Structures are given as structure tokens and as C-alpha cells.
C-alpha atoms as a PDB file:
ATOM      1  CA  UNK A   1    -219.067-133.204 -29.553  1.00  0.00           C
ATOM      2  CA  UNK A   2    -219.094-134.462 -33.121  1.00  0.00           C
ATOM      3  CA  UNK A   3    -216.159-134.214 -35.488  1.00  0.00           C
ATOM      4  CA  UNK A   4    -217.723-131.458 -37.612  1.00  0.00           C
ATOM      5  CA  UNK A   5    -218.209-129.355 -34.493  1.00  0.00           C
ATOM      6  CA  UNK A   6    -214.562-129.831 -33.596  1.00  0.00           C
ATOM      7  CA  UNK A   7    -213.576-128.747 -37.100  1.00  0.00           C
ATOM      8  CA  UNK A   8    -215.734-125.631 -36.777  1.00  0.00           C
ATOM      9  CA  UNK A   9    -214.030-124.735 -33.484  1.00  0.00           C
ATOM     10  CA  UNK A  10    -210.608-125.067 -35.057  1.00  0.00           C
ATOM     11  CA  UNK A  11    -211.600-122.910 -37.995  1.00  0.00           C
ATOM     12  CA  UNK A  12    -212.291-125.624 -40.530  1.00  0.00           C
ATOM     13  CA  UNK A  13    -208.741-126.479 -41.615  1.00  0.00           C
ATOM     14  CA  UNK A  14    -209.097-130.171 -40.837  1.00  0.00           C
ATOM     15  CA  UNK A  15    -211.895-130.376 -43.399  1.00  0.00           C
ATOM     16  CA  UNK A  16    -209.907-128.913 -46.270  1.00  0.00           C
ATOM     17  CA  UNK A  17    -209.015-131.279 -49.118  1.00  0.00           C
ATOM     18  CA  UNK A  18    -205.314-132.030 -49.370  1.00  0.00           C
ATOM     19  CA  UNK A  19    -205.133-130.252 -52.716  1.00  0.00           C
ATOM     20  CA  UNK A  20    -206.684-127.133 -51.240  1.00  0.00           C
ATOM     21  CA  UNK A  21    -204.146-127.113 -48.429  1.00  0.00           C
ATOM     22  CA  UNK A  22    -201.330-127.525 -50.911  1.00  0.00           C
ATOM     23  CA  UNK A  23    -202.481-124.354 -52.666  1.00  0.00           C
ATOM     24  CA  UNK A  24    -201.843-122.412 -49.461  1.00  0.00           C
ATOM     25  CA  UNK A  25    -198.120-122.721 -50.068  1.00  0.00           C
ATOM     26  CA  UNK A  26    -195.623-124.090 -47.576  1.00  0.00           C
ATOM     27  CA  UNK A  27    -197.832-123.874 -44.496  1.00  0.00           C
ATOM     28  CA  UNK A  28    -196.741-126.352 -41.826  1.00  0.00           C
ATOM     29  CA  UNK A  29    -199.242-129.053 -40.883  1.00  0.00           C
ATOM     30  CA  UNK A  30    -199.882-129.583 -37.162  1.00  0.00           C
ATOM     31  CA  UNK A  31    -201.319-132.995 -36.315  1.00  0.00           C
ATOM     32  CA  UNK A  32    -203.864-133.106 -33.491  1.00  0.00           C
ATOM     33  CA  UNK A  33    -204.073-136.559 -31.903  1.00  0.00           C
ATOM     34  CA  UNK A  34    -206.684-136.914 -29.176  1.00  0.00           C
ATOM     35  CA  UNK A  35    -209.186-139.222 -27.533  1.00  0.00           C
ATOM     36  CA  UNK A  36    -212.091-136.848 -27.964  1.00  0.00           C
ATOM     37  CA  UNK A  37    -212.899-133.232 -28.651  1.00  0.00           C
ATOM     38  CA  UNK A  38    -211.562-130.854 -25.998  1.00  0.00           C
ATOM     39  CA  UNK A  39    -213.929-128.142 -24.726  1.00  0.00           C
ATOM     40  CA  UNK A  40    -213.978-124.868 -26.632  1.00  0.00           C
ATOM     41  CA  UNK A  41    -212.214-123.121 -23.732  1.00  0.00           C
ATOM     42  CA  UNK A  42    -209.253-125.499 -24.072  1.00  0.00           C
ATOM     43  CA  UNK A  43    -209.060-125.062 -27.838  1.00  0.00           C
ATOM     44  CA  UNK A  44    -209.169-121.294 -27.413  1.00  0.00           C
ATOM     45  CA  UNK A  45    -206.296-121.483 -24.895  1.00  0.00           C
ATOM     46  CA  UNK A  46    -204.298-123.625 -27.334  1.00  0.00           C
ATOM     47  CA  UNK A  47    -204.935-121.072 -30.082  1.00  0.00           C
ATOM     48  CA  UNK A  48    -203.768-118.238 -27.798  1.00  0.00           C
ATOM     49  CA  UNK A  49    -200.554-120.102 -27.068  1.00  0.00           C
ATOM     50  CA  UNK A  50    -199.877-120.526 -30.776  1.00  0.00           C
ATOM     51  CA  UNK A  51    -200.711-116.869 -31.374  1.00  0.00           C
ATOM     52  CA  UNK A  52    -198.127-115.913 -28.759  1.00  0.00           C
ATOM     53  CA  UNK A  53    -195.577-117.311 -31.190  1.00  0.00           C
ATOM     54  CA  UNK A  54    -197.139-115.639 -34.198  1.00  0.00           C
ATOM     55  CA  UNK A  55    -199.080-118.651 -35.498  1.00  0.00           C
ATOM     56  CA  UNK A  56    -202.698-118.332 -36.585  1.00  0.00           C
ATOM     57  CA  UNK A  57    -204.573-121.244 -38.096  1.00  0.00           C
ATOM     58  CA  UNK A  58    -205.259-120.971 -41.831  1.00  0.00           C
ATOM     59  CA  UNK A  59    -202.843-118.045 -42.081  1.00  0.00           C
ATOM     60  CA  UNK A  60    -199.502-119.720 -41.456  1.00  0.00           C
ATOM     61  CA  UNK A  61    -200.321-123.297 -40.397  1.00  0.00           C
ATOM     62  CA  UNK A  62    -203.121-125.863 -40.716  1.00  0.00           C
ATOM     63  CA  UNK A  63    -204.471-128.558 -38.408  1.00  0.00           C
ATOM     64  CA  UNK A  64    -205.080-132.185 -39.322  1.00  0.00           C
ATOM     65  CA  UNK A  65    -207.163-133.996 -36.731  1.00  0.00           C
ATOM     66  CA  UNK A  66    -207.359-137.660 -35.663  1.00  0.00           C
ATOM     67  CA  UNK A  67    -209.370-139.033 -32.731  1.00  0.00           C
ATOM     68  CA  UNK A  68    -209.082-142.474 -31.121  1.00  0.00           C
ATOM     69  CA  UNK A  69    -212.280-142.341 -29.028  1.00  0.00           C
ATOM     70  CA  UNK A  70    -212.328-145.435 -26.795  1.00  0.00           C
ATOM     71  CA  UNK A  71    -209.752-147.591 -28.582  1.00  0.00           C
ATOM     72  CA  UNK A  72    -206.327-146.577 -27.309  1.00  0.00           C
ATOM     73  CA  UNK A  73    -204.726-149.217 -29.542  1.00  0.00           C
ATOM     74  CA  UNK A  74    -205.536-147.007 -32.550  1.00  0.00           C
ATOM     75  CA  UNK A  75    -203.116-144.242 -31.619  1.00  0.00           C
ATOM     76  CA  UNK A  76    -200.085-145.522 -33.504  1.00  0.00           C
ATOM     77  CA  UNK A  77    -202.087-146.004 -36.714  1.00  0.00           C
ATOM     78  CA  UNK A  78    -203.645-142.561 -36.347  1.00  0.00           C
ATOM     79  CA  UNK A  79    -200.243-140.982 -35.717  1.00  0.00           C
ATOM     80  CA  UNK A  80    -198.987-142.674 -38.886  1.00  0.00           C
ATOM     81  CA  UNK A  81    -201.887-141.111 -40.789  1.00  0.00           C
ATOM     82  CA  UNK A  82    -200.812-137.706 -39.495  1.00  0.00           C
ATOM     83  CA  UNK A  83    -197.253-138.372 -40.631  1.00  0.00           C
ATOM     84  CA  UNK A  84    -198.579-139.326 -44.059  1.00  0.00           C
ATOM     85  CA  UNK A  85    -200.279-135.912 -44.085  1.00  0.00           C
ATOM     86  CA  UNK A  86    -196.763-134.449 -43.716  1.00  0.00           C
ATOM     87  CA  UNK A  87    -197.302-133.220 -40.191  1.00  0.00           C
ATOM     88  CA  UNK A  88    -194.411-131.040 -39.055  1.00  0.00           C
ATOM     89  CA  UNK A  89    -195.521-131.471 -35.453  1.00  0.00           C
ATOM     90  CA  UNK A  90    -197.903-133.762 -33.551  1.00  0.00           C
ATOM     91  CA  UNK A  91    -199.872-132.593 -30.533  1.00  0.00           C
ATOM     92  CA  UNK A  92    -200.577-135.793 -28.560  1.00  0.00           C
ATOM     93  CA  UNK A  93    -203.453-134.534 -26.423  1.00  0.00           C
ATOM     94  CA  UNK A  94    -205.076-137.891 -25.575  1.00  0.00           C
ATOM     95  CA  UNK A  95    -203.004-138.648 -22.482  1.00  0.00           C
ATOM     96  CA  UNK A  96    -200.146-141.127 -22.151  1.00  0.00           C
ATOM     97  CA  UNK A  97    -201.590-143.604 -24.716  1.00  0.00           C
ATOM     98  CA  UNK A  98    -201.577-140.932 -27.440  1.00  0.00           C
ATOM     99  CA  UNK A  99    -198.014-139.868 -26.602  1.00  0.00           C
ATOM    100  CA  UNK A 100    -196.773-143.450 -26.658  1.00  0.00           C
ATOM    101  CA  UNK A 101    -198.607-144.104 -29.930  1.00  0.00           C
ATOM    102  CA  UNK A 102    -197.111-141.010 -31.541  1.00  0.00           C
ATOM    103  CA  UNK A 103    -193.589-141.776 -30.396  1.00  0.00           C
ATOM    104  CA  UNK A 104    -193.863-145.378 -31.578  1.00  0.00           C
ATOM    105  CA  UNK A 105    -194.754-144.001 -35.019  1.00  0.00           C
ATOM    106  CA  UNK A 106    -191.868-141.523 -35.228  1.00  0.00           C
ATOM    107  CA  UNK A 107    -188.650-140.620 -33.458  1.00  0.00           C
ATOM    108  CA  UNK A 108    -188.021-137.734 -35.850  1.00  0.00           C
ATOM    109  CA  UNK A 109    -191.120-135.528 -36.054  1.00  0.00           C
ATOM    110  CA  UNK A 110    -191.546-133.334 -32.929  1.00  0.00           C
ATOM    111  CA  UNK A 111    -194.265-134.312 -30.448  1.00  0.00           C
ATOM    112  CA  UNK A 112    -195.841-132.113 -27.772  1.00  0.00           C
ATOM    113  CA  UNK A 113    -197.719-134.300 -25.306  1.00  0.00           C
ATOM    114  CA  UNK A 114    -200.260-133.786 -22.553  1.00  0.00           C
ATOM    115  CA  UNK A 115    -200.133-136.741 -20.169  1.00  0.00           C
ATOM    116  CA  UNK A 116    -200.965-137.793 -16.639  1.00  0.00           C
ATOM    117  CA  UNK A 117    -198.039-140.137 -16.075  1.00  0.00           C
ATOM    118  CA  UNK A 118    -194.294-139.791 -15.612  1.00  0.00           C
ATOM    119  CA  UNK A 119    -192.777-139.223 -19.083  1.00  0.00           C
ATOM    120  CA  UNK A 120    -189.365-140.419 -17.906  1.00  0.00           C
ATOM    121  CA  UNK A 121    -190.819-143.664 -16.573  1.00  0.00           C
ATOM    122  CA  UNK A 122    -192.710-144.147 -19.844  1.00  0.00           C
ATOM    123  CA  UNK A 123    -189.572-143.615 -21.939  1.00  0.00           C
ATOM    124  CA  UNK A 124    -190.903-140.509 -23.647  1.00  0.00           C
ATOM    125  CA  UNK A 125    -188.043-138.304 -22.404  1.00  0.00           C
ATOM    126  CA  UNK A 126    -184.698-138.849 -20.705  1.00  0.00           C
ATOM    127  CA  UNK A 127    -185.319-136.251 -18.010  1.00  0.00           C
ATOM    128  CA  UNK A 128    -187.887-133.574 -17.233  1.00  0.00           C
ATOM    129  CA  UNK A 129    -185.353-130.763 -17.436  1.00  0.00           C
ATOM    130  CA  UNK A 130    -183.827-131.942 -20.707  1.00  0.00           C
ATOM    131  CA  UNK A 131    -186.006-134.380 -22.679  1.00  0.00           C
ATOM    132  CA  UNK A 132    -183.275-135.228 -25.214  1.00  0.00           C
ATOM    133  CA  UNK A 133    -185.846-136.910 -27.513  1.00  0.00           C
ATOM    134  CA  UNK A 134    -188.355-135.728 -30.113  1.00  0.00           C
ATOM    135  CA  UNK A 135    -190.976-135.275 -27.354  1.00  0.00           C
ATOM    136  CA  UNK A 136    -191.806-132.731 -24.677  1.00  0.00           C
ATOM    137  CA  UNK A 137    -194.965-131.211 -23.233  1.00  0.00           C
ATOM    138  CA  UNK A 138    -197.006-131.143 -20.027  1.00  0.00           C
ATOM    139  CA  UNK A 139    -197.236-133.873 -17.367  1.00  0.00           C
ATOM    140  CA  UNK A 140    -199.989-133.309 -14.814  1.00  0.00           C
ATOM    141  CA  UNK A 141    -199.108-136.068 -12.300  1.00  0.00           C
ATOM    142  CA  UNK A 142    -202.441-137.894 -12.171  1.00  0.00           C
ATOM    143  CA  UNK A 143    -201.237-140.444  -9.599  1.00  0.00           C
ATOM    144  CA  UNK A 144    -200.320-137.817  -6.998  1.00  0.00           C
ATOM    145  CA  UNK A 145    -203.581-135.969  -7.616  1.00  0.00           C
ATOM    146  CA  UNK A 146    -205.497-139.235  -7.154  1.00  0.00           C
ATOM    147  CA  UNK A 147    -204.176-139.419  -3.596  1.00  0.00           C
ATOM    148  CA  UNK A 148    -205.344-135.847  -2.970  1.00  0.00           C
ATOM    149  CA  UNK A 149    -208.827-136.679  -4.316  1.00  0.00           C
ATOM    150  CA  UNK A 150    -209.088-139.577  -1.887  1.00  0.00           C
ATOM    151  CA  UNK A 151    -208.225-137.242   0.993  1.00  0.00           C
ATOM    152  CA  UNK A 152    -210.891-134.798  -0.173  1.00  0.00           C
ATOM    153  CA  UNK A 153    -213.493-137.578  -0.247  1.00  0.00           C
ATOM    154  CA  UNK A 154    -212.479-138.523   3.288  1.00  0.00           C
ATOM    155  CA  UNK A 155    -212.900-134.879   4.363  1.00  0.00           C
ATOM    156  CA  UNK A 156    -216.303-134.741   2.687  1.00  0.00           C
ATOM    157  CA  UNK A 157    -217.479-138.079   4.084  1.00  0.00           C
ATOM    158  CA  UNK A 158    -215.497-138.747   7.280  1.00  0.00           C
ATOM    159  CA  UNK A 159    -217.712-141.707   8.211  1.00  0.00           C
ATOM    160  CA  UNK A 160    -217.175-143.549   4.922  1.00  0.00           C
ATOM    161  CA  UNK A 161    -214.938-146.542   5.610  1.00  0.00           C
ATOM    162  CA  UNK A 162    -215.190-148.029   2.102  1.00  0.00           C
ATOM    163  CA  UNK A 163    -214.601-146.044  -1.096  1.00  0.00           C
ATOM    164  CA  UNK A 164    -214.717-147.274  -4.686  1.00  0.00           C
ATOM    165  CA  UNK A 165    -212.337-146.376  -7.492  1.00  0.00           C
ATOM    166  CA  UNK A 166    -213.064-146.673 -11.210  1.00  0.00           C
ATOM    167  CA  UNK A 167    -210.029-147.237 -13.439  1.00  0.00           C
ATOM    168  CA  UNK A 168    -209.403-148.031 -17.106  1.00  0.00           C
ATOM    169  CA  UNK A 169    -207.072-151.040 -17.535  1.00  0.00           C
ATOM    170  CA  UNK A 170    -206.323-149.933 -21.108  1.00  0.00           C
ATOM    171  CA  UNK A 171    -204.666-146.770 -19.828  1.00  0.00           C
ATOM    172  CA  UNK A 172    -201.020-147.378 -18.861  1.00  0.00           C
ATOM    173  CA  UNK A 173    -201.318-144.728 -16.146  1.00  0.00           C
ATOM    174  CA  UNK A 174    -204.488-146.200 -14.649  1.00  0.00           C
ATOM    175  CA  UNK A 175    -202.937-149.018 -12.652  1.00  0.00           C
ATOM    176  CA  UNK A 176    -200.202-146.788 -11.229  1.00  0.00           C
ATOM    177  CA  UNK A 177    -202.797-144.261 -10.129  1.00  0.00           C
ATOM    178  CA  UNK A 178    -204.761-147.095  -8.545  1.00  0.00           C
ATOM    179  CA  UNK A 179    -201.689-148.385  -6.680  1.00  0.00           C
ATOM    180  CA  UNK A 180    -200.867-144.933  -5.342  1.00  0.00           C
ATOM    181  CA  UNK A 181    -204.462-144.337  -4.245  1.00  0.00           C
ATOM    182  CA  UNK A 182    -204.443-147.781  -2.603  1.00  0.00           C
ATOM    183  CA  UNK A 183    -201.329-146.807  -0.664  1.00  0.00           C
ATOM    184  CA  UNK A 184    -203.016-143.604   0.494  1.00  0.00           C
ATOM    185  CA  UNK A 185    -206.141-145.591   1.427  1.00  0.00           C
ATOM    186  CA  UNK A 186    -204.053-147.879   3.637  1.00  0.00           C
ATOM    187  CA  UNK A 187    -202.635-144.851   5.435  1.00  0.00           C
ATOM    188  CA  UNK A 188    -206.111-143.367   5.925  1.00  0.00           C
ATOM    189  CA  UNK A 189    -207.592-146.715   7.047  1.00  0.00           C
ATOM    190  CA  UNK A 190    -209.992-146.710   4.091  1.00  0.00           C
ATOM    191  CA  UNK A 191    -211.117-149.915   2.406  1.00  0.00           C
ATOM    192  CA  UNK A 192    -210.571-149.167  -1.311  1.00  0.00           C
ATOM    193  CA  UNK A 193    -212.601-151.267  -3.743  1.00  0.00           C
ATOM    194  CA  UNK A 194    -211.525-151.102  -7.392  1.00  0.00           C
ATOM    195  CA  UNK A 195    -213.773-151.519 -10.423  1.00  0.00           C
ATOM    196  CA  UNK A 196    -212.383-151.526 -13.960  1.00  0.00           C
ATOM    197  CA  UNK A 197    -213.935-150.440 -17.241  1.00  0.00           C
ATOM    198  CA  UNK A 198    -212.352-149.964 -20.652  1.00  0.00           C
ATOM    199  CA  UNK A 199    -215.584-149.719 -22.676  1.00  0.00           C
ATOM    200  CA  UNK A 200    -218.945-148.035 -22.176  1.00  0.00           C
ATOM    201  CA  UNK A 201    -220.586-151.464 -21.875  1.00  0.00           C
ATOM    202  CA  UNK A 202    -218.551-152.116 -18.721  1.00  0.00           C
ATOM    203  CA  UNK A 203    -219.677-149.003 -16.840  1.00  0.00           C
ATOM    204  CA  UNK A 204    -222.975-150.329 -15.519  1.00  0.00           C
ATOM    205  CA  UNK A 205    -221.547-153.680 -14.295  1.00  0.00           C
ATOM    206  CA  UNK A 206    -218.730-151.753 -12.578  1.00  0.00           C
ATOM    207  CA  UNK A 207    -221.220-149.565 -10.705  1.00  0.00           C
ATOM    208  CA  UNK A 208    -223.372-152.573  -9.860  1.00  0.00           C
ATOM    209  CA  UNK A 209    -220.330-154.329  -8.377  1.00  0.00           C
ATOM    210  CA  UNK A 210    -219.417-151.285  -6.295  1.00  0.00           C
ATOM    211  CA  UNK A 211    -223.028-151.013  -5.123  1.00  0.00           C
ATOM    212  CA  UNK A 212    -223.014-154.633  -3.992  1.00  0.00           C
ATOM    213  CA  UNK A 213    -219.851-153.889  -2.017  1.00  0.00           C
ATOM    214  CA  UNK A 214    -221.662-150.968  -0.350  1.00  0.00           C
ATOM    215  CA  UNK A 215    -218.982-148.373  -0.975  1.00  0.00           C
ATOM    216  CA  UNK A 216    -219.815-144.978   0.461  1.00  0.00           C
ATOM    217  CA  UNK A 217    -218.266-142.846  -2.281  1.00  0.00           C
ATOM    218  CA  UNK A 218    -216.460-143.089  -5.609  1.00  0.00           C
ATOM    219  CA  UNK A 219    -213.194-141.806  -7.013  1.00  0.00           C
ATOM    220  CA  UNK A 220    -213.231-141.768 -10.825  1.00  0.00           C
ATOM    221  CA  UNK A 221    -209.714-142.284 -12.157  1.00  0.00           C
ATOM    222  CA  UNK A 222    -207.953-139.882 -14.488  1.00  0.00           C
ATOM    223  CA  UNK A 223    -208.772-141.052 -17.982  1.00  0.00           C
ATOM    224  CA  UNK A 224    -209.641-139.279 -21.232  1.00  0.00           C
ATOM    225  CA  UNK A 225    -212.095-142.027 -22.192  1.00  0.00           C
ATOM    226  CA  UNK A 226    -213.970-141.525 -18.932  1.00  0.00           C
ATOM    227  CA  UNK A 227    -214.234-137.815 -19.691  1.00  0.00           C
ATOM    228  CA  UNK A 228    -215.712-138.558 -23.121  1.00  0.00           C
ATOM    229  CA  UNK A 229    -218.399-140.541 -21.283  1.00  0.00           C
ATOM    230  CA  UNK A 230    -218.783-138.163 -18.340  1.00  0.00           C
ATOM    231  CA  UNK A 231    -222.561-137.754 -18.749  1.00  0.00           C
ATOM    232  CA  UNK A 232    -223.009-141.517 -18.497  1.00  0.00           C
ATOM    233  CA  UNK A 233    -220.768-141.757 -15.430  1.00  0.00           C
ATOM    234  CA  UNK A 234    -222.492-138.843 -13.704  1.00  0.00           C
ATOM    235  CA  UNK A 235    -225.896-140.427 -14.357  1.00  0.00           C
ATOM    236  CA  UNK A 236    -224.749-143.766 -12.940  1.00  0.00           C
ATOM    237  CA  UNK A 237    -223.316-142.084  -9.846  1.00  0.00           C
ATOM    238  CA  UNK A 238    -226.641-140.285  -9.353  1.00  0.00           C
ATOM    239  CA  UNK A 239    -228.674-143.472  -9.823  1.00  0.00           C
ATOM    240  CA  UNK A 240    -226.568-145.311  -7.249  1.00  0.00           C
ATOM    241  CA  UNK A 241    -226.491-142.226  -5.013  1.00  0.00           C
ATOM    242  CA  UNK A 242    -222.707-142.335  -4.907  1.00  0.00           C
ATOM    243  CA  UNK A 243    -220.910-139.091  -4.014  1.00  0.00           C
ATOM    244  CA  UNK A 244    -218.137-139.015  -6.627  1.00  0.00           C
ATOM    245  CA  UNK A 245    -214.977-137.010  -7.178  1.00  0.00           C
ATOM    246  CA  UNK A 246    -213.468-136.449 -10.628  1.00  0.00           C
ATOM    247  CA  UNK A 247    -210.266-135.087 -12.117  1.00  0.00           C
ATOM    248  CA  UNK A 248    -211.648-132.048 -13.976  1.00  0.00           C
ATOM    249  CA  UNK A 249    -214.299-129.381 -13.640  1.00  0.00           C
ATOM    250  CA  UNK A 250    -216.088-130.558 -16.825  1.00  0.00           C
ATOM    251  CA  UNK A 251    -217.748-133.254 -14.716  1.00  0.00           C
ATOM    252  CA  UNK A 252    -218.975-130.780 -12.118  1.00  0.00           C
ATOM    253  CA  UNK A 253    -220.317-128.442 -14.794  1.00  0.00           C
ATOM    254  CA  UNK A 254    -222.281-131.423 -16.145  1.00  0.00           C
ATOM    255  CA  UNK A 255    -223.778-132.269 -12.741  1.00  0.00           C
ATOM    256  CA  UNK A 256    -221.007-134.193 -10.966  1.00  0.00           C
ATOM    257  CA  UNK A 257    -220.424-133.533  -7.277  1.00  0.00           C
ATOM    258  CA  UNK A 258    -216.801-132.470  -6.877  1.00  0.00           C
ATOM    259  CA  UNK A 259    -213.546-132.298  -8.827  1.00  0.00           C
ATOM    260  CA  UNK A 260    -209.929-131.579  -8.050  1.00  0.00           C
ATOM    261  CA  UNK A 261    -207.249-131.139 -10.671  1.00  0.00           C
ATOM    262  CA  UNK A 262    -204.856-128.838 -12.426  1.00  0.00           C
ATOM    263  CA  UNK A 263    -205.890-125.802 -14.441  1.00  0.00           C
ATOM    264  CA  UNK A 264    -206.397-127.368 -17.874  1.00  0.00           C
ATOM    265  CA  UNK A 265    -206.858-124.033 -19.630  1.00  0.00           C
ATOM    266  CA  UNK A 266    -203.390-122.980 -18.506  1.00  0.00           C
ATOM    267  CA  UNK A 267    -201.968-126.352 -19.612  1.00  0.00           C
ATOM    268  CA  UNK A 268    -203.439-126.048 -23.109  1.00  0.00           C
ATOM    269  CA  UNK A 269    -202.039-122.544 -23.398  1.00  0.00           C
ATOM    270  CA  UNK A 270    -198.576-123.864 -22.528  1.00  0.00           C
ATOM    271  CA  UNK A 271    -198.935-126.620 -25.128  1.00  0.00           C
ATOM    272  CA  UNK A 272    -199.726-123.956 -27.707  1.00  0.00           C
ATOM    273  CA  UNK A 273    -196.692-121.920 -26.658  1.00  0.00           C
ATOM    274  CA  UNK A 274    -194.421-124.944 -27.063  1.00  0.00           C
ATOM    275  CA  UNK A 275    -195.999-125.761 -30.425  1.00  0.00           C
ATOM    276  CA  UNK A 276    -195.220-122.258 -31.640  1.00  0.00           C
ATOM    277  CA  UNK A 277    -191.638-122.412 -30.425  1.00  0.00           C
ATOM    278  CA  UNK A 278    -191.090-125.734 -32.176  1.00  0.00           C
ATOM    279  CA  UNK A 279    -192.646-124.447 -35.399  1.00  0.00           C
ATOM    280  CA  UNK A 280    -190.127-121.605 -35.203  1.00  0.00           C
ATOM    281  CA  UNK A 281    -187.266-124.097 -35.091  1.00  0.00           C
ATOM    282  CA  UNK A 282    -186.637-124.983 -31.451  1.00  0.00           C
ATOM    283  CA  UNK A 283    -186.161-128.661 -30.633  1.00  0.00           C
ATOM    284  CA  UNK A 284    -188.291-130.648 -28.166  1.00  0.00           C
ATOM    285  CA  UNK A 285    -185.060-132.133 -26.819  1.00  0.00           C
ATOM    286  CA  UNK A 286    -184.175-128.721 -25.386  1.00  0.00           C
ATOM    287  CA  UNK A 287    -187.594-127.757 -23.966  1.00  0.00           C
ATOM    288  CA  UNK A 288    -188.211-128.938 -20.362  1.00  0.00           C
ATOM    289  CA  UNK A 289    -191.338-130.921 -19.601  1.00  0.00           C
ATOM    290  CA  UNK A 290    -193.728-128.591 -17.806  1.00  0.00           C
ATOM    291  CA  UNK A 291    -195.755-129.471 -14.734  1.00  0.00           C
ATOM    292  CA  UNK A 292    -198.833-127.601 -13.548  1.00  0.00           C
ATOM    293  CA  UNK A 293    -198.634-125.031 -10.794  1.00  0.00           C
ATOM    294  CA  UNK A 294    -202.331-124.089 -10.715  1.00  0.00           C
ATOM    295  CA  UNK A 295    -204.930-126.424  -9.180  1.00  0.00           C
ATOM    296  CA  UNK A 296    -208.652-126.045  -8.624  1.00  0.00           C
ATOM    297  CA  UNK A 297    -211.295-127.562  -6.372  1.00  0.00           C
ATOM    298  CA  UNK A 298    -214.824-127.288  -7.766  1.00  0.00           C
ATOM    299  CA  UNK A 299    -218.042-128.277  -5.949  1.00  0.00           C
ATOM    300  CA  UNK A 300    -221.599-128.531  -7.285  1.00  0.00           C
ATOM    301  CA  UNK A 301    -223.786-127.443  -4.383  1.00  0.00           C
ATOM    302  CA  UNK A 302    -227.008-128.487  -6.123  1.00  0.00           C
ATOM    303  CA  UNK A 303    -225.704-132.036  -6.552  1.00  0.00           C
ATOM    304  CA  UNK A 304    -224.653-132.059  -2.891  1.00  0.00           C
ATOM    305  CA  UNK A 305    -228.178-131.000  -1.942  1.00  0.00           C
ATOM    306  CA  UNK A 306    -229.667-133.780  -4.086  1.00  0.00           C
ATOM    307  CA  UNK A 307    -227.445-136.283  -2.263  1.00  0.00           C
ATOM    308  CA  UNK A 308    -228.394-134.739   1.124  1.00  0.00           C
ATOM    309  CA  UNK A 309    -224.763-133.856   1.774  1.00  0.00           C
ATOM    310  CA  UNK A 310    -223.542-130.981   3.895  1.00  0.00           C
ATOM    311  CA  UNK A 311    -220.296-129.623   2.481  1.00  0.00           C
ATOM    312  CA  UNK A 312    -217.849-128.932   5.346  1.00  0.00           C
ATOM    313  CA  UNK A 313    -216.946-125.233   5.642  1.00  0.00           C
ATOM    314  CA  UNK A 314    -213.272-126.161   5.303  1.00  0.00           C
ATOM    315  CA  UNK A 315    -213.911-127.540   1.795  1.00  0.00           C
ATOM    316  CA  UNK A 316    -216.084-124.612   0.777  1.00  0.00           C
ATOM    317  CA  UNK A 317    -213.292-122.265   1.837  1.00  0.00           C
ATOM    318  CA  UNK A 318    -210.880-124.060  -0.503  1.00  0.00           C
ATOM    319  CA  UNK A 319    -213.263-124.316  -3.467  1.00  0.00           C
ATOM    320  CA  UNK A 320    -212.687-122.307  -6.610  1.00  0.00           C
END
């Protein structure tokens, strides 16, 4: 999705000239720091969460938007740009790299993050129950979910003894997820082969390497950059006839085989709720880091048919 489409979904505030925003009075500015444009359903959930607190875009707050795309090193500079726009709050939606970039730019302005890693381990908060910093938000435990995805692949393809995993070395959570999946693979007697890609140019060589190693399936790691390029990854999986599991239903809707992850719509709603509470004066230090309680398994039966796969009844019974 292009930037102008994102602006349209958010109501156009990000496109307003600074002078025009100033004429709106003392509306707080909410910075939106992401790796790409979230789906419309996620943005609508975020808006509902803000509305729960009485905040409606262009009526009593405005968005300023910055996107890092594939270069996670840009997050600190982009967060600084948001601060220069007098952001009263930064929503770091681009995973752990965006949260770390925002916090490295400010220890004063509140940050609401959406990350896959452990925020305590990353130094974003002191504890989940009481952050005691300028940051709080949602942590969706990508490493633990990676282990579950490997188990689901094993259930889908019980004869597969070798499974590939695609990770992004630029993502600080990627290697931990890989280590945890490797530990689960050892327990399940699965030979896990890892391929790494941090740019679109590295996708095809990564798939070629996995093909040469004759892996029977693929686990795509949790990574916002991968999601931006989901159509490319799905096409490569189809070309190599690799049954692949992903972290979110967006992939399955676009033609991917199977996904398992938390309910992202619910997570975005919670982020909006926290944003509203902070805009009303509450401090991130006092707001516990939330963790998802809703998870979903999604299967594309047409893709399974194309791959000549029979989905076990046990998986179909669990699918959302």
C-alpha cells in the first residue's frame, strides 16, 4: 500500500501542512512509526481503541506518519522527526526495531509499542506488570509462537524430516526466534535448516539454498519486513512447491498455505486504548505490558489442493 493510501485510511491528517495543523489549536500530535502500512482492519481497530477514550482523528488529535520500510536502521532518525513534529506520543508499530529506535530517540515522550520480543530483555521496560519507563504496549511472544508453528508443520507433514526457516538478521528478535525453534526442532527430531534475508534481493537465493537442501516445508519467521513482501514470499514458496507457515492471516488471504498467530485486530484495539489513556494523562510507567490471549489458525484449502496436500482433520478442527 502506498503512502497516500495510508493517509487516506487515517483520514488525511498526515498530509496536512504544519501550519494547517497549528490552526487546529492545541491538538496533540500522535506519531505513527511503522515498517509498512497496516491493513485497513488494523487501522480501524486502532481508531476504535482511541475512540473508546474519546479521541477522534482531526477532531481532537492528529497523526504524523513515518515508515522505515526495509531499513530498520532508520527508526531512530524517523522517531526524531516525529519528535521534531512535537509528537505527544509515539506508536511504535514496526516491531522491536521501531520500539528500540523510538526509545533511543527519547526517554521522555510516551511510547506505545507493538513487538514480538521480550520488552524486559530488550530494556524497554523494567517489568511487564510495571514498566517504570516511558514505554508500554503489546508483546506478542513471537519466539514461543515460532515453536508452535513448527509443531503445526510437523502435524501437517509428519513425514518431513527437514524443515527450512527464513529469518531476518536485521531484526533483533529474529535470532532468538530461530534459536527457540531450533530447540523445538531438536526435541521433535527435525533437521532445521536456516536461511537468512534482510533485503528483497536475498529472498530468491535463500529459497534456492533451501531447495538445494531439499527441505520439505518452510517456516517464515516473524518479521514486519517479510510481511511487507508477503506476495513475493508466497510466490517463491509456490514456485518451489514448499508448504509454508506464516505468523499472520494476511499471508493466507494472499494465497499462503497456513498461518498461526495472535489476533492482531484485538492487539491494535488495545494499542489504541492505551494511546487514549496516555493522551488523557496516564503514564506508560504505570500501564502493564499486555500479552495476547486470542490466537488463530488459518488454512487456505485451495493452496493445499494446489500442493496436493491433505489437511489432517485434527488441524481442520482447530482452524479459525
